[in-house]
Amino acid sequence: MKQLLVLMLSCGLMSASFSQSGSKTENIKKLLELTGARKLSVQVAQTMVNAFKGEGSTAPDEFWDEFLKEMDSDTLINMTVPVYEKYYSDKEIKQLIEFYQSDIGKKVVLVTPQIMQESMQLGQIWGRDIAERLQARLREKGYLKQL
């Protein structure tokens, strides 16, 4: 009986804390903030601008600065919210928030960009190797037309 009372009290406290934590949309925005989505969107915009700058544009730095000021990461965040709403319940979003607030969750956010970059480089090497082997085998079997 005592265990049942403790369990009911714990559930009551948990549901009270969940109900005070905001709407599902607010929780998703918090999750996106914790995972670095806003920071990433700003980095992507900066990378795109740098690519355009490097393509022989004669636009002055002021042009690029003005353009970057127009880049509103809130727009991308707001566009992303419905995707998370579609695939996660509010309870799951709250669990993800708890994870990303933990030490290991913070580490995931910190190291994921490096892991992705290194994985993409390895994927390119792997893909190039497959393409070379495939072309060699097609030539060997006479299935590849000579150009």
C-alpha atoms as a PDB file:
ATOM      1  CA  MET A   1       0.000   0.000   0.000  1.00  0.00           C
ATOM      2  CA  LYS A   2       2.822   2.354   0.883  1.00  0.00           C
ATOM      3  CA  GLN A   3       4.482   1.641  -2.487  1.00  0.00           C
ATOM      4  CA  LEU A   4       1.225   2.399  -4.298  1.00  0.00           C
ATOM      5  CA  LEU A   5       0.921   5.718  -2.470  1.00  0.00           C
ATOM      6  CA  VAL A   6       4.516   6.644  -3.356  1.00  0.00           C
ATOM      7  CA  LEU A   7       3.915   5.667  -6.982  1.00  0.00           C
ATOM      8  CA  MET A   8       0.715   7.748  -7.201  1.00  0.00           C
ATOM      9  CA  LEU A   9       2.418  10.726  -5.584  1.00  0.00           C
ATOM     10  CA  SER A  10       5.368  10.434  -7.973  1.00  0.00           C
ATOM     11  CA  CYS A  11       3.052  10.273 -10.981  1.00  0.00           C
ATOM     12  CA  GLY A  12       1.151  13.282  -9.736  1.00  0.00           C
ATOM     13  CA  LEU A  13       4.321  15.291  -9.309  1.00  0.00           C
ATOM     14  CA  MET A  14       5.590  14.263 -12.719  1.00  0.00           C
ATOM     15  CA  SER A  15       2.377  15.201 -14.478  1.00  0.00           C
ATOM     16  CA  ALA A  16       2.272  18.515 -12.646  1.00  0.00           C
ATOM     17  CA  SER A  17       5.810  19.312 -13.738  1.00  0.00           C
ATOM     18  CA  PHE A  18       4.990  18.321 -17.318  1.00  0.00           C
ATOM     19  CA  SER A  19       1.865  20.452 -17.434  1.00  0.00           C
ATOM     20  CA  GLN A  20       3.841  23.482 -16.266  1.00  0.00           C
ATOM     21  CA  SER A  21       6.541  23.117 -18.898  1.00  0.00           C
ATOM     22  CA  GLY A  22       4.694  24.815 -21.763  1.00  0.00           C
ATOM     23  CA  SER A  23       2.999  23.834 -24.977  1.00  0.00           C
ATOM     24  CA  LYS A  24       4.231  21.151 -27.319  1.00  0.00           C
ATOM     25  CA  THR A  25       5.321  23.835 -29.797  1.00  0.00           C
ATOM     26  CA  GLU A  26       7.329  25.638 -27.111  1.00  0.00           C
ATOM     27  CA  ASN A  27       8.881  22.345 -26.077  1.00  0.00           C
ATOM     28  CA  ILE A  28       9.886  21.569 -29.661  1.00  0.00           C
ATOM     29  CA  LYS A  29      11.474  24.996 -30.004  1.00  0.00           C
ATOM     30  CA  LYS A  30      13.367  24.380 -26.772  1.00  0.00           C
ATOM     31  CA  LEU A  31      14.524  21.005 -28.090  1.00  0.00           C
ATOM     32  CA  LEU A  32      15.688  22.568 -31.357  1.00  0.00           C
ATOM     33  CA  GLU A  33      17.610  25.175 -29.372  1.00  0.00           C
ATOM     34  CA  LEU A  34      19.241  22.484 -27.223  1.00  0.00           C
ATOM     35  CA  THR A  35      20.251  20.439 -30.267  1.00  0.00           C
ATOM     36  CA  GLY A  36      21.879  23.453 -31.901  1.00  0.00           C
ATOM     37  CA  ALA A  37      19.446  23.729 -34.825  1.00  0.00           C
ATOM     38  CA  ARG A  38      19.373  27.536 -34.665  1.00  0.00           C
ATOM     39  CA  LYS A  39      23.162  27.774 -34.561  1.00  0.00           C
ATOM     40  CA  LEU A  40      23.428  25.330 -37.457  1.00  0.00           C
ATOM     41  CA  SER A  41      20.971  27.326 -39.586  1.00  0.00           C
ATOM     42  CA  VAL A  42      23.073  30.463 -39.084  1.00  0.00           C
ATOM     43  CA  GLN A  43      26.229  28.527 -40.036  1.00  0.00           C
ATOM     44  CA  VAL A  44      24.560  27.165 -43.171  1.00  0.00           C
ATOM     45  CA  ALA A  45      23.484  30.676 -44.217  1.00  0.00           C
ATOM     46  CA  GLN A  46      27.032  31.963 -43.644  1.00  0.00           C
ATOM     47  CA  THR A  47      28.478  29.082 -45.666  1.00  0.00           C
ATOM     48  CA  MET A  48      26.088  29.818 -48.537  1.00  0.00           C
ATOM     49  CA  VAL A  49      27.016  33.505 -48.512  1.00  0.00           C
ATOM     50  CA  ASN A  50      30.724  32.637 -48.486  1.00  0.00           C
ATOM     51  CA  ALA A  51      30.201  30.330 -51.475  1.00  0.00           C
ATOM     52  CA  PHE A  52      28.484  33.117 -53.417  1.00  0.00           C
ATOM     53  CA  LYS A  53      31.223  35.567 -52.446  1.00  0.00           C
ATOM     54  CA  GLY A  54      33.811  33.168 -53.815  1.00  0.00           C
ATOM     55  CA  GLU A  55      32.105  32.857 -57.198  1.00  0.00           C
ATOM     56  CA  GLY A  56      33.468  36.133 -58.489  1.00  0.00           C
ATOM     57  CA  SER A  57      30.835  38.465 -57.100  1.00  0.00           C
ATOM     58  CA  THR A  58      31.756  42.126 -57.016  1.00  0.00           C
ATOM     59  CA  ALA A  59      29.248  42.910 -54.265  1.00  0.00           C
ATOM     60  CA  PRO A  60      30.737  44.879 -51.375  1.00  0.00           C
ATOM     61  CA  ASP A  61      30.891  43.464 -47.834  1.00  0.00           C
ATOM     62  CA  GLU A  62      27.971  45.705 -46.830  1.00  0.00           C
ATOM     63  CA  PHE A  63      25.735  43.839 -49.288  1.00  0.00           C
ATOM     64  CA  TRP A  64      26.573  40.499 -47.685  1.00  0.00           C
ATOM     65  CA  ASP A  65      26.198  41.872 -44.161  1.00  0.00           C
ATOM     66  CA  GLU A  66      22.724  43.228 -44.996  1.00  0.00           C
ATOM     67  CA  PHE A  67      21.715  39.949 -46.571  1.00  0.00           C
ATOM     68  CA  LEU A  68      22.856  37.940 -43.546  1.00  0.00           C
ATOM     69  CA  LYS A  69      20.836  40.221 -41.256  1.00  0.00           C
ATOM     70  CA  GLU A  70      17.737  39.184 -43.222  1.00  0.00           C
ATOM     71  CA  MET A  71      18.418  35.524 -42.525  1.00  0.00           C
ATOM     72  CA  ASP A  72      15.987  34.773 -39.741  1.00  0.00           C
ATOM     73  CA  SER A  73      16.661  31.463 -38.047  1.00  0.00           C
ATOM     74  CA  ASP A  74      13.200  31.689 -36.442  1.00  0.00           C
ATOM     75  CA  THR A  75      11.698  31.093 -39.888  1.00  0.00           C
ATOM     76  CA  LEU A  76      13.478  27.758 -40.236  1.00  0.00           C
ATOM     77  CA  ILE A  77      12.689  26.808 -36.642  1.00  0.00           C
ATOM     78  CA  ASN A  78       8.983  27.567 -37.193  1.00  0.00           C
ATOM     79  CA  MET A  79       9.019  25.566 -40.424  1.00  0.00           C
ATOM     80  CA  THR A  80      10.603  22.609 -38.589  1.00  0.00           C
ATOM     81  CA  VAL A  81       8.170  22.510 -35.653  1.00  0.00           C
ATOM     82  CA  PRO A  82       5.365  20.728 -37.598  1.00  0.00           C
ATOM     83  CA  VAL A  83       7.797  17.993 -38.629  1.00  0.00           C
ATOM     84  CA  TYR A  84       8.634  17.261 -34.992  1.00  0.00           C
ATOM     85  CA  GLU A  85       4.938  17.502 -34.076  1.00  0.00           C
ATOM     86  CA  LYS A  86       4.209  14.867 -36.710  1.00  0.00           C
ATOM     87  CA  TYR A  87       6.719  12.315 -35.445  1.00  0.00           C
ATOM     88  CA  TYR A  88       6.963  12.903 -31.676  1.00  0.00           C
ATOM     89  CA  SER A  89       4.430  13.116 -28.897  1.00  0.00           C
ATOM     90  CA  ASP A  90       4.758  15.891 -26.330  1.00  0.00           C
ATOM     91  CA  LYS A  91       5.936  13.300 -23.812  1.00  0.00           C
ATOM     92  CA  GLU A  92       8.686  12.175 -26.184  1.00  0.00           C
ATOM     93  CA  ILE A  93       9.749  15.766 -26.828  1.00  0.00           C
ATOM     94  CA  LYS A  94      10.064  16.279 -23.068  1.00  0.00           C
ATOM     95  CA  GLN A  95      12.155  13.119 -22.799  1.00  0.00           C
ATOM     96  CA  LEU A  96      14.419  14.375 -25.566  1.00  0.00           C
ATOM     97  CA  ILE A  97      14.760  17.716 -23.778  1.00  0.00           C
ATOM     98  CA  GLU A  98      15.815  15.871 -20.631  1.00  0.00           C
ATOM     99  CA  PHE A  99      18.367  13.897 -22.628  1.00  0.00           C
ATOM    100  CA  TYR A 100      19.854  16.955 -24.347  1.00  0.00           C
ATOM    101  CA  GLN A 101      20.106  18.749 -21.008  1.00  0.00           C
ATOM    102  CA  SER A 102      22.118  15.838 -19.585  1.00  0.00           C
ATOM    103  CA  ASP A 103      25.906  15.662 -19.827  1.00  0.00           C
ATOM    104  CA  ILE A 104      25.802  12.957 -22.506  1.00  0.00           C
ATOM    105  CA  GLY A 105      23.175  14.886 -24.483  1.00  0.00           C
ATOM    106  CA  LYS A 106      25.376  17.992 -24.420  1.00  0.00           C
ATOM    107  CA  LYS A 107      28.281  15.874 -25.628  1.00  0.00           C
ATOM    108  CA  VAL A 108      26.154  14.499 -28.484  1.00  0.00           C
ATOM    109  CA  VAL A 109      25.451  18.071 -29.627  1.00  0.00           C
ATOM    110  CA  LEU A 110      29.116  18.991 -29.269  1.00  0.00           C
ATOM    111  CA  VAL A 111      30.636  16.071 -31.181  1.00  0.00           C
ATOM    112  CA  THR A 112      27.945  15.326 -33.784  1.00  0.00           C
ATOM    113  CA  PRO A 113      29.231  17.911 -36.311  1.00  0.00           C
ATOM    114  CA  GLN A 114      32.715  16.371 -36.208  1.00  0.00           C
ATOM    115  CA  ILE A 115      31.292  12.847 -36.423  1.00  0.00           C
ATOM    116  CA  MET A 116      29.158  13.855 -39.413  1.00  0.00           C
ATOM    117  CA  GLN A 117      32.087  15.537 -41.177  1.00  0.00           C
ATOM    118  CA  GLU A 118      34.414  12.582 -40.684  1.00  0.00           C
ATOM    119  CA  SER A 119      31.658  10.117 -41.624  1.00  0.00           C
ATOM    120  CA  MET A 120      30.912  12.047 -44.825  1.00  0.00           C
ATOM    121  CA  GLN A 121      34.598  11.981 -45.771  1.00  0.00           C
ATOM    122  CA  LEU A 122      34.714   8.235 -45.182  1.00  0.00           C
ATOM    123  CA  GLY A 123      31.479   7.843 -47.150  1.00  0.00           C
ATOM    124  CA  GLN A 124      33.028   9.674 -50.098  1.00  0.00           C
ATOM    125  CA  ILE A 125      36.067   7.392 -50.023  1.00  0.00           C
ATOM    126  CA  TRP A 126      33.811   4.344 -49.764  1.00  0.00           C
ATOM    127  CA  GLY A 127      31.576   5.568 -52.607  1.00  0.00           C
ATOM    128  CA  ARG A 128      34.551   6.353 -54.848  1.00  0.00           C
ATOM    129  CA  ASP A 129      35.954   2.846 -54.193  1.00  0.00           C
ATOM    130  CA  ILE A 130      32.617   1.249 -55.095  1.00  0.00           C
ATOM    131  CA  ALA A 131      32.355   3.318 -58.286  1.00  0.00           C
ATOM    132  CA  GLU A 132      35.897   2.394 -59.350  1.00  0.00           C
ATOM    133  CA  ARG A 133      35.315  -1.317 -58.675  1.00  0.00           C
ATOM    134  CA  LEU A 134      31.993  -1.216 -60.512  1.00  0.00           C
ATOM    135  CA  GLN A 135      33.504   0.498 -63.559  1.00  0.00           C
ATOM    136  CA  ALA A 136      36.413  -1.958 -63.608  1.00  0.00           C
ATOM    137  CA  ARG A 137      34.063  -4.930 -63.422  1.00  0.00           C
ATOM    138  CA  LEU A 138      31.784  -3.499 -66.137  1.00  0.00           C
ATOM    139  CA  ARG A 139      34.843  -2.998 -68.405  1.00  0.00           C
ATOM    140  CA  GLU A 140      36.145  -6.476 -67.577  1.00  0.00           C
ATOM    141  CA  LYS A 141      32.809  -8.049 -68.558  1.00  0.00           C
ATOM    142  CA  GLY A 142      32.461  -5.855 -71.644  1.00  0.00           C
ATOM    143  CA  TYR A 143      29.350  -4.107 -70.328  1.00  0.00           C
ATOM    144  CA  LEU A 144      30.793  -0.606 -70.405  1.00  0.00           C
ATOM    145  CA  LYS A 145      30.842   1.298 -73.656  1.00  0.00           C
ATOM    146  CA  GLN A 146      34.137   2.987 -74.387  1.00  0.00           C
ATOM    147  CA  LEU A 147      33.770   6.743 -74.871  1.00  0.00           C
END
